[in-house]
Protein backbone atom coordinates (compact mmCIF):
# COMPACT_ATOMS: atom_id res chain seq x y z
CA MET A 1 0.00 0.00 0.00
CA ASP A 2 1.23 3.46 -0.84
CA GLU A 3 1.53 5.35 2.47
CA ALA A 4 1.23 8.65 0.60
CA SER A 5 -2.33 7.71 -0.33
CA LEU A 6 -3.28 7.76 3.35
CA GLY A 7 -3.00 11.54 3.58
CA THR A 8 -0.97 13.54 6.03
CA GLU A 9 1.00 11.41 8.48
CA LYS A 10 -0.39 11.87 12.00
CA ARG A 11 1.20 8.89 13.78
CA GLN A 12 3.16 9.45 16.96
CA ALA A 13 5.02 6.11 16.72
CA PRO A 14 6.34 4.23 13.68
CA ARG A 15 4.49 1.10 12.59
CA VAL A 16 6.17 -2.30 12.28
CA LYS A 17 4.95 -4.97 9.84
CA THR A 18 3.21 -7.70 11.84
CA SER A 19 0.88 -10.63 11.38
CA ILE A 20 -0.67 -11.01 14.82
CA PRO A 21 -4.06 -12.66 15.36
CA VAL A 22 -6.62 -10.10 16.50
CA ARG A 23 -10.32 -10.38 17.30
CA TYR A 24 -12.51 -7.30 17.22
CA ARG A 25 -16.10 -6.30 17.66
CA GLU A 26 -17.82 -2.99 17.15
CA ILE A 27 -18.64 -1.41 20.51
CA ASP A 28 -21.47 0.78 19.27
CA GLY A 29 -22.82 -1.65 16.68
CA ALA A 30 -26.04 -3.60 17.09
CA ASP A 31 -24.25 -6.76 15.99
CA GLY A 32 -22.06 -7.94 18.87
CA THR A 33 -20.30 -10.51 16.69
CA SER A 34 -16.55 -10.88 17.18
CA VAL A 35 -14.47 -11.09 13.99
CA GLY A 36 -11.03 -12.69 13.73
CA THR A 37 -8.30 -11.41 11.41
CA LEU A 38 -4.59 -10.49 11.36
CA THR A 39 -2.75 -7.25 11.87
CA ALA A 40 -0.76 -5.91 8.92
CA ASP A 41 1.28 -3.46 10.97
CA MET A 42 1.27 -2.12 14.49
CA SER A 43 2.77 0.47 16.82
CA THR A 44 2.22 1.44 20.43
CA GLY A 45 -0.40 3.89 19.16
CA GLY A 46 -2.47 1.69 16.88
CA LEU A 47 -2.62 -0.93 14.17
CA ARG A 48 -3.78 -1.75 10.67
CA LEU A 49 -5.82 -4.86 10.00
CA GLY A 50 -7.48 -6.48 7.01
CA THR A 51 -11.17 -7.38 7.06
CA ASN A 52 -14.07 -8.25 4.78
CA LYS A 53 -16.49 -6.27 6.92
CA PHE A 54 -16.87 -2.57 6.12
CA LEU A 55 -16.17 -0.45 9.19
CA SER A 56 -17.02 3.23 9.15
CA VAL A 57 -14.52 5.87 10.16
CA ALA A 58 -14.88 6.77 13.85
CA SER A 59 -16.28 3.32 14.73
CA ARG A 60 -15.02 2.14 18.10
CA LEU A 61 -13.69 -1.41 18.32
CA LEU A 62 -12.90 -3.69 21.24
CA LEU A 63 -9.68 -5.48 20.26
CA HIS A 64 -8.08 -8.66 21.62
CA LEU A 65 -4.48 -8.98 20.37
CA ASP A 66 -2.89 -12.43 20.64
CA ILE A 67 0.80 -11.49 20.75
CA PRO A 68 2.70 -14.79 20.50
CA THR A 69 5.12 -14.05 23.36
CA LEU A 70 2.34 -13.30 25.87
CA ALA A 71 0.26 -15.75 27.91
CA LYS A 72 -2.98 -13.76 27.55
CA PRO A 73 -4.35 -11.39 24.91
CA ILE A 74 -3.99 -7.62 25.18
CA GLU A 75 -7.32 -5.84 25.28
CA ALA A 76 -7.74 -2.32 23.92
CA VAL A 77 -10.40 0.01 22.60
CA SER A 78 -9.58 1.63 19.27
CA GLN A 79 -11.15 4.11 16.92
CA VAL A 80 -11.15 3.54 13.17
CA ALA A 81 -9.05 6.35 11.69
CA TRP A 82 -9.27 5.38 8.01
CA VAL A 83 -10.61 2.68 5.70
CA GLN A 84 -9.19 1.81 2.30
CA LYS A 85 -10.39 -0.72 -0.29
CA ALA A 86 -7.93 -3.63 -0.57
CA ASN A 87 -6.47 -4.79 -3.86
CA GLU A 88 -7.93 -7.88 -5.48
CA GLY A 89 -6.19 -11.04 -4.28
CA GLU A 90 -5.20 -9.71 -0.84
CA GLY A 91 -7.59 -12.11 0.89
CA PHE A 92 -9.79 -9.41 2.39
CA SER A 93 -11.82 -6.42 1.19
CA TYR A 94 -10.58 -3.52 3.35
CA HIS A 95 -7.51 -2.16 5.11
CA VAL A 96 -8.56 -0.50 8.37
CA GLY A 97 -6.30 1.83 10.36
CA ASN A 98 -7.03 2.03 14.08
CA GLN A 99 -5.82 4.34 16.83
CA PHE A 100 -5.74 2.99 20.39
CA MET A 101 -8.06 5.07 22.56
CA GLU A 102 -8.08 2.97 25.73
CA ILE A 103 -5.09 0.78 26.54
CA THR A 104 -3.07 0.41 29.71
CA GLY A 105 0.47 1.75 29.87
CA ARG A 106 1.62 -1.77 30.78
CA ASP A 107 0.04 -3.20 27.61
CA GLN A 108 1.66 -0.47 25.50
CA GLU A 109 5.01 -1.45 27.04
CA LEU A 110 4.35 -5.11 26.18
CA ILE A 111 3.56 -4.12 22.58
CA MET A 112 6.73 -2.00 22.41
CA THR A 113 8.85 -4.88 23.71
CA TYR A 114 7.33 -7.27 21.16
CA LEU A 115 7.78 -4.84 18.27
CA LYS A 116 11.44 -4.29 19.14
CA SER A 117 11.96 -8.05 18.75
CA CYS A 118 10.43 -8.10 15.25
């Protein structure tokens, strides 16, 4: 994906390419279904994931990140910052950029430690 197409860079922390299992559900949506997918990249401030479900900008998601080096998933609340149509053959329909809105400092430290090892 061409980062220039995402508009002005607003990230506080650089993203690292990842492929971490993540489950999410829309907090404000009527459908409480949890969806499983993989991250494409991540930082201590947010992540990008691929999904077949359209998520509107500003949607709030409850995330469960299954970082391989940790015994239990990290839980965070994120806000969808942008949505972009995926290219054919990528295995999903949309790229979705998320900013962490509610995450403990300890969990951010665990993410930072993991990303440094990547």
